[in-house]
Protein backbone atom coordinates (compact mmCIF):
# COMPACT_ATOMS: atom_id res chain seq x y z
CA UNK A 1 1.59 -11.28 -5.61
CA UNK A 2 0.83 -11.62 -1.90
CA UNK A 3 -1.39 -8.74 -1.01
CA UNK A 4 -1.45 -7.08 -4.33
CA UNK A 5 -5.46 -7.45 -4.23
CA UNK A 6 -5.58 -5.62 -0.74
CA UNK A 7 -3.29 -2.75 -2.17
CA UNK A 8 -5.70 -1.91 -4.71
CA UNK A 9 -8.83 -1.87 -2.40
CA UNK A 10 -6.84 0.09 0.05
CA UNK A 11 -5.64 2.66 -2.35
CA UNK A 12 -9.17 3.63 -2.81
CA UNK A 13 -9.76 4.21 1.00
CA UNK A 14 -6.46 5.65 2.43
CA UNK A 15 -6.49 9.46 2.99
CA UNK A 16 -3.00 11.05 2.54
CA UNK A 17 -3.10 13.96 5.07
CA UNK A 18 -1.29 16.88 4.27
CA UNK A 19 -0.37 17.54 7.67
CA UNK A 20 2.26 19.86 9.25
CA UNK A 21 5.03 17.72 10.42
CA UNK A 22 4.88 17.44 14.27
CA UNK A 23 8.16 17.95 15.66
CA UNK A 24 10.13 14.81 16.08
CA UNK A 25 13.61 16.21 15.96
CA UNK A 26 15.64 18.95 17.24
CA UNK A 27 16.39 21.46 14.50
CA UNK A 28 19.41 23.26 16.10
CA UNK A 29 22.03 20.97 17.30
CA UNK A 30 23.55 23.78 19.50
CA UNK A 31 20.27 24.04 21.23
CA UNK A 32 20.54 20.38 22.22
CA UNK A 33 23.79 21.18 23.54
CA UNK A 34 22.46 23.86 25.66
CA UNK A 35 19.99 21.52 27.38
CA UNK A 36 22.82 18.91 28.15
CA UNK A 37 24.88 21.54 29.87
CA UNK A 38 22.33 23.25 31.92
CA UNK A 39 19.97 22.07 34.58
CA UNK A 40 16.87 20.98 33.62
CA UNK A 41 13.79 22.51 35.70
CA UNK A 42 10.72 20.39 35.67
CA UNK A 43 7.65 22.51 36.05
CA UNK A 44 4.97 20.38 37.92
CA UNK A 45 1.38 20.68 36.77
CA UNK A 46 -0.76 22.84 39.18
CA UNK A 47 -4.56 22.60 39.81
CA UNK A 48 -6.18 25.31 37.89
CA UNK A 49 -8.41 27.68 40.21
CA UNK A 50 -10.92 28.18 37.33
CA UNK A 51 -11.33 24.57 36.73
CA UNK A 52 -11.86 24.13 40.93
CA UNK A 53 -14.28 26.98 40.96
CA UNK A 54 -16.17 25.47 37.82
CA UNK A 55 -16.38 21.88 39.61
CA UNK A 56 -17.11 23.34 43.14
CA UNK A 57 -20.79 22.00 43.05
CA UNK A 58 -19.87 18.51 41.47
CA UNK A 59 -17.56 17.17 44.23
CA UNK A 60 -16.89 13.84 42.44
CA UNK A 61 -15.66 15.34 39.30
CA UNK A 62 -13.62 17.75 41.28
CA UNK A 63 -11.91 14.85 43.14
CA UNK A 64 -11.21 13.09 39.73
CA UNK A 65 -9.81 16.38 38.50
CA UNK A 66 -7.28 16.94 41.36
CA UNK A 67 -6.30 13.33 41.32
CA UNK A 68 -5.75 13.47 37.48
CA UNK A 69 -3.19 16.24 38.33
CA UNK A 70 -1.57 14.71 40.85
CA UNK A 71 -1.30 11.46 38.98
CA UNK A 72 0.21 13.27 36.18
CA UNK A 73 3.05 14.90 38.45
CA UNK A 74 3.69 11.09 39.83
CA UNK A 75 4.01 10.09 36.21
CA UNK A 76 6.18 12.68 35.28
CA UNK A 77 8.67 12.29 38.11
CA UNK A 78 8.66 8.49 37.88
CA UNK A 79 9.43 9.00 33.94
CA UNK A 80 12.31 11.48 34.43
CA UNK A 81 13.78 9.13 37.14
CA UNK A 82 13.83 6.20 35.02
CA UNK A 83 14.62 7.76 31.63
CA UNK A 84 16.41 11.04 31.88
CA UNK A 85 20.00 11.30 31.93
CA UNK A 86 20.70 13.87 29.35
CA UNK A 87 21.06 17.07 31.43
CA UNK A 88 23.59 17.97 33.89
CA UNK A 89 21.06 18.18 36.73
CA UNK A 90 17.30 18.06 37.15
CA UNK A 91 15.17 19.79 39.74
CA UNK A 92 11.27 20.20 40.21
CA UNK A 93 9.78 23.81 40.37
CA UNK A 94 6.50 25.37 40.44
CA UNK A 95 4.87 27.45 37.68
CA UNK A 96 5.61 30.64 39.51
CA UNK A 97 9.33 29.84 39.84
CA UNK A 98 9.48 28.75 36.16
CA UNK A 99 7.74 32.19 35.28
CA UNK A 100 10.54 34.00 37.45
CA UNK A 101 13.20 32.16 35.50
CA UNK A 102 11.80 33.23 32.12
CA UNK A 103 11.40 36.95 33.34
CA UNK A 104 15.33 36.62 34.25
CA UNK A 105 16.06 35.12 31.11
CA UNK A 106 18.66 33.02 33.18
CA UNK A 107 20.85 31.20 30.78
CA UNK A 108 22.00 28.59 33.32
CA UNK A 109 18.59 26.68 33.24
CA UNK A 110 16.40 25.05 30.92
CA UNK A 111 12.50 24.32 31.36
CA UNK A 112 10.39 21.19 30.83
CA UNK A 113 6.84 22.21 31.01
CA UNK A 114 3.41 21.45 29.86
CA UNK A 115 2.33 23.93 27.14
CA UNK A 116 -0.69 24.27 24.82
CA UNK A 117 0.16 24.89 21.07
CA UNK A 118 -2.23 26.27 18.28
CA UNK A 119 -3.41 23.75 15.72
CA UNK A 120 -3.35 24.48 12.01
CA UNK A 121 -6.56 24.13 9.60
CA UNK A 122 -5.52 22.80 6.41
CA UNK A 123 -7.28 22.25 3.15
CA UNK A 124 -8.55 25.82 2.28
CA UNK A 125 -7.68 27.84 -0.73
CA UNK A 126 -8.13 31.68 -1.35
CA UNK A 127 -8.24 33.84 -4.18
CA UNK A 128 -7.29 37.66 -3.74
CA UNK A 129 -10.10 38.64 -5.82
CA UNK A 130 -13.20 36.40 -5.24
CA UNK A 131 -15.33 37.81 -8.12
CA UNK A 132 -12.39 36.97 -10.64
CA UNK A 133 -13.71 33.54 -11.67
CA UNK A 134 -11.34 30.59 -11.47
CA UNK A 135 -8.28 30.87 -9.37
CA UNK A 136 -5.01 31.08 -11.37
CA UNK A 137 -1.96 28.65 -10.02
CA UNK A 138 -0.84 31.61 -8.14
CA UNK A 139 -4.09 32.28 -6.45
CA UNK A 140 -4.44 28.98 -5.35
CA UNK A 141 -1.88 29.54 -2.73
CA UNK A 142 -2.18 27.10 0.29
CA UNK A 143 -4.10 28.80 3.29
CA UNK A 144 -3.38 27.94 6.87
CA UNK A 145 -5.31 29.21 9.92
CA UNK A 146 -4.91 28.50 13.66
CA UNK A 147 -7.69 26.63 15.46
CA UNK A 148 -8.20 24.86 18.60
CA UNK A 149 -5.04 23.56 20.62
CA UNK A 150 -2.69 20.69 21.08
CA UNK A 151 -1.03 19.93 24.71
CA UNK A 152 2.44 18.83 24.81
CA UNK A 153 5.47 18.61 26.88
CA UNK A 154 8.34 21.16 25.66
CA UNK A 155 11.67 21.72 26.56
CA UNK A 156 12.70 25.54 26.59
CA UNK A 157 16.04 27.71 27.34
CA UNK A 158 15.26 29.97 30.14
CA UNK A 159 17.27 32.59 28.32
CA UNK A 160 14.99 32.28 25.30
CA UNK A 161 11.51 31.13 26.66
CA UNK A 162 9.18 31.56 23.68
CA UNK A 163 11.11 29.07 21.65
CA UNK A 164 10.42 25.24 22.07
CA UNK A 165 13.70 23.28 21.52
CA UNK A 166 12.10 20.04 21.75
CA UNK A 167 8.56 19.20 22.09
CA UNK A 168 6.73 15.98 22.45
CA UNK A 169 2.61 15.91 21.81
CA UNK A 170 0.20 14.35 24.36
CA UNK A 171 -0.76 10.98 22.62
CA UNK A 172 -4.20 10.09 21.32
CA UNK A 173 -4.28 7.25 23.90
CA UNK A 174 -4.40 9.85 26.61
CA UNK A 175 -2.06 10.12 29.86
CA UNK A 176 -0.80 7.08 31.65
CA UNK A 177 2.56 5.95 32.92
CA UNK A 178 3.35 4.51 29.45
CA UNK A 179 2.43 7.69 27.52
CA UNK A 180 4.50 9.83 30.07
CA UNK A 181 7.24 7.63 29.70
CA UNK A 182 7.14 7.74 25.92
CA UNK A 183 7.03 11.76 25.93
CA UNK A 184 10.01 11.77 28.20
CA UNK A 185 11.95 9.29 25.99
CA UNK A 186 10.91 10.93 22.79
CA UNK A 187 12.38 14.51 24.21
CA UNK A 188 15.58 12.66 25.19
CA UNK A 189 16.02 10.86 22.06
CA UNK A 190 15.62 14.04 20.01
CA UNK A 191 18.17 15.71 21.84
CA UNK A 192 20.52 12.98 21.78
CA UNK A 193 20.14 12.16 18.26
CA UNK A 194 20.34 15.70 17.19
CA UNK A 195 24.05 15.54 18.63
CA UNK A 196 25.19 11.91 18.00
CA UNK A 197 23.18 11.35 14.81
CA UNK A 198 22.81 14.71 13.28
CA UNK A 199 19.15 14.18 13.00
CA UNK A 200 18.07 17.76 12.72
CA UNK A 201 16.04 17.57 9.65
CA UNK A 202 13.02 15.86 8.77
CA UNK A 203 14.51 14.01 5.64
CA UNK A 204 17.25 12.66 7.88
CA UNK A 205 14.87 11.65 10.66
CA UNK A 206 12.63 9.77 7.87
CA UNK A 207 15.55 8.17 6.35
CA UNK A 208 16.81 6.94 9.64
CA UNK A 209 13.53 5.54 10.50
CA UNK A 210 13.29 3.85 7.20
CA UNK A 211 16.67 2.14 7.98
CA UNK A 212 15.07 0.81 11.09
CA UNK A 213 11.64 -0.55 10.07
CA UNK A 214 13.02 -3.85 9.13
CA UNK A 215 13.77 -4.81 12.90
CA UNK A 216 9.97 -5.23 13.29
CA UNK A 217 10.55 -8.83 11.68
CA UNK A 218 12.01 -9.67 14.67
CA UNK A 219 9.68 -8.08 17.25
CA UNK A 220 6.23 -8.80 18.43
CA UNK A 221 3.99 -5.78 17.46
CA UNK A 222 1.62 -4.60 20.27
CA UNK A 223 -1.73 -2.96 19.57
CA UNK A 224 -2.98 -1.17 22.43
CA UNK A 225 -6.72 -2.03 22.91
CA UNK A 226 -7.56 1.72 22.70
CA UNK A 227 -5.89 2.11 19.50
CA UNK A 228 -7.97 -0.87 17.83
CA UNK A 229 -10.01 0.29 14.69
CA UNK A 230 -13.24 -1.80 14.06
CA UNK A 231 -11.63 -3.05 10.97
CA UNK A 232 -8.60 -4.23 12.79
CA UNK A 233 -10.45 -5.68 15.73
CA UNK A 234 -12.68 -7.79 13.16
CA UNK A 235 -9.49 -8.99 11.27
CA UNK A 236 -8.00 -10.24 14.52
CA UNK A 237 -11.02 -11.90 15.66
CA UNK A 238 -11.59 -13.74 12.29
CA UNK A 239 -8.03 -14.69 12.09
CA UNK A 240 -7.32 -12.85 8.82
CA UNK A 241 -4.75 -10.35 10.25
CA UNK A 242 -2.03 -12.44 8.28
CA UNK A 243 -3.39 -11.16 5.00
CA UNK A 244 -2.10 -7.70 6.15
CA UNK A 245 0.68 -8.50 8.39
CA UNK A 246 3.38 -11.34 8.11
CA UNK A 247 4.96 -10.98 11.56
CA UNK A 248 3.80 -11.56 15.45
CA UNK A 249 0.81 -9.10 16.42
CA UNK A 250 -0.72 -8.91 20.00
CA UNK A 251 -3.41 -6.78 21.43
CA UNK A 252 -2.31 -5.49 24.79
CA UNK A 253 -4.49 -3.89 27.74
CA UNK A 254 -2.99 -0.63 29.52
CA UNK A 255 -1.19 -2.77 32.07
CA UNK A 256 0.47 -5.15 29.95
CA UNK A 257 1.53 -2.50 27.54
CA UNK A 258 3.01 -0.61 30.42
CA UNK A 259 4.88 -3.82 31.66
CA UNK A 260 6.71 -4.12 28.30
CA UNK A 261 7.56 -0.49 28.06
CA UNK A 262 8.88 0.14 31.41
CA UNK A 263 11.01 -3.08 31.20
CA UNK A 264 12.46 -1.74 28.11
CA UNK A 265 11.81 -5.11 26.32
CA UNK A 266 13.41 -4.99 22.89
CA UNK A 267 11.20 -8.27 21.93
CA UNK A 268 8.30 -5.72 21.31
CA UNK A 269 7.31 -2.51 19.67
CA UNK A 270 3.85 -0.80 19.76
CA UNK A 271 1.58 1.04 17.48
CA UNK A 272 1.20 4.69 18.72
CA UNK A 273 -0.86 7.68 17.38
CA UNK A 274 -0.05 11.29 18.00
CA UNK A 275 -1.79 14.34 16.87
CA UNK A 276 -0.55 16.08 14.18
CA UNK A 277 -1.31 19.51 15.22
CA UNK A 278 -3.37 20.08 12.51
CA UNK A 279 -7.18 20.05 11.42
CA UNK A 280 -8.90 19.16 8.08
CA UNK A 281 -12.62 19.90 7.63
CA UNK A 282 -13.32 20.06 11.40
CA UNK A 283 -11.33 16.71 12.26
CA UNK A 284 -8.02 16.58 14.01
CA UNK A 285 -5.27 14.90 12.01
CA UNK A 286 -2.78 12.52 13.41
CA UNK A 287 0.28 10.82 12.66
CA UNK A 288 0.84 7.10 13.24
CA UNK A 289 4.08 5.39 14.61
CA UNK A 290 5.37 2.02 15.53
CA UNK A 291 7.76 2.59 18.57
CA UNK A 292 10.59 0.35 19.84
CA UNK A 293 9.64 -0.58 23.40
CA UNK A 294 13.35 -0.62 24.14
CA UNK A 295 14.15 2.91 24.16
CA UNK A 296 11.03 4.68 22.79
CA UNK A 297 12.78 5.37 19.37
CA UNK A 298 10.44 5.43 16.08
CA UNK A 299 10.97 2.24 13.85
CA UNK A 300 7.95 3.56 11.30
CA UNK A 301 5.97 6.57 10.69
CA UNK A 302 3.22 7.62 8.38
CA UNK A 303 0.69 10.36 8.12
CA UNK A 304 -1.83 8.17 6.30
CA UNK A 305 -5.07 7.46 7.84
CA UNK A 306 -8.16 5.32 6.68
CA UNK A 307 -11.69 6.28 6.36
CA UNK A 308 -13.50 5.53 9.30
CA UNK A 309 -10.37 5.13 11.43
CA UNK A 310 -8.98 8.56 11.91
CA UNK A 311 -6.70 8.51 15.37
CA UNK A 312 -7.05 4.63 15.39
CA UNK A 313 -4.81 1.96 14.12
CA UNK A 314 -6.24 0.04 10.92
CA UNK A 315 -5.23 -3.27 9.18
CA UNK A 316 -4.57 -1.23 6.05
CA UNK A 317 -1.67 0.74 7.86
CA UNK A 318 -0.25 -2.62 9.01
CA UNK A 319 -0.05 -3.65 5.38
CA UNK A 320 1.82 -0.47 4.87
CA UNK A 321 4.29 -1.33 7.52
CA UNK A 322 4.36 -4.86 6.27
CA UNK A 323 5.53 -3.75 2.73
CA UNK A 324 8.09 -1.33 4.48
CA UNK A 325 9.65 -4.25 6.12
CA UNK A 326 10.15 -6.08 3.19
């Protein structure tokens, strides 16, 4: 049986991450309709005064920081122009203007802004009575504590500004035109699919994705260079990738990846890694995806990582995709 030997080996090295599901769907269809019927106010990122003061004596780093903020806003505007048609109107505002709308709780506007969300620490157990010997099944309650933060683009209704309607976390690969384009597509898809496909629960999303994974048989899978694990890179260099994946694979740099995504080229899909907004034993956990270059929709997802490749794509994950395609 093809690949059965590799499955036995990989069983020993896979880690099943008990992650909190990153938000990849809108849980309330009515919220999605609110975003559609209101003006979307896109809040531009601003240069932080504390950061500027901290870098005052490091002119090169200060310049790089200021350029990065300007570049992000440029990417955001281009992605909105290219990918967003869901809301009635779109306007760009400052953070002060956004705070004013929140204080007014204006029901006529939704906000798209960069937010920091608390991560969760997983894997700890506790006993109400530490001196009581072994924990009972009841005592072995799952304990979750908040640690660190994850950045994301989030959409909120100004009338209820503490609630994120849709959210897309900054990808592991960092900020580029491709990653901002994906985040805007991802937000749009969550809203559209909540209304049109009723994808308002994680079980429905997983079923939908599972039904589309077979499309990868007719697409070239792009692996961005920054996401290559050492094992996957070695398999590609040695020409042994066909032991794990039966279909076309291409390693791409940032420029070539961006080209296919901005062209919305349906002949391609790409590997993608997003923080799962959780940590275990001091390490950030990730969710792993295959994304359709045509529209940014998910064709495959898993929370399984491989020892030594946390946050990177491993050939073992390609084997999982390969078996799902069949």
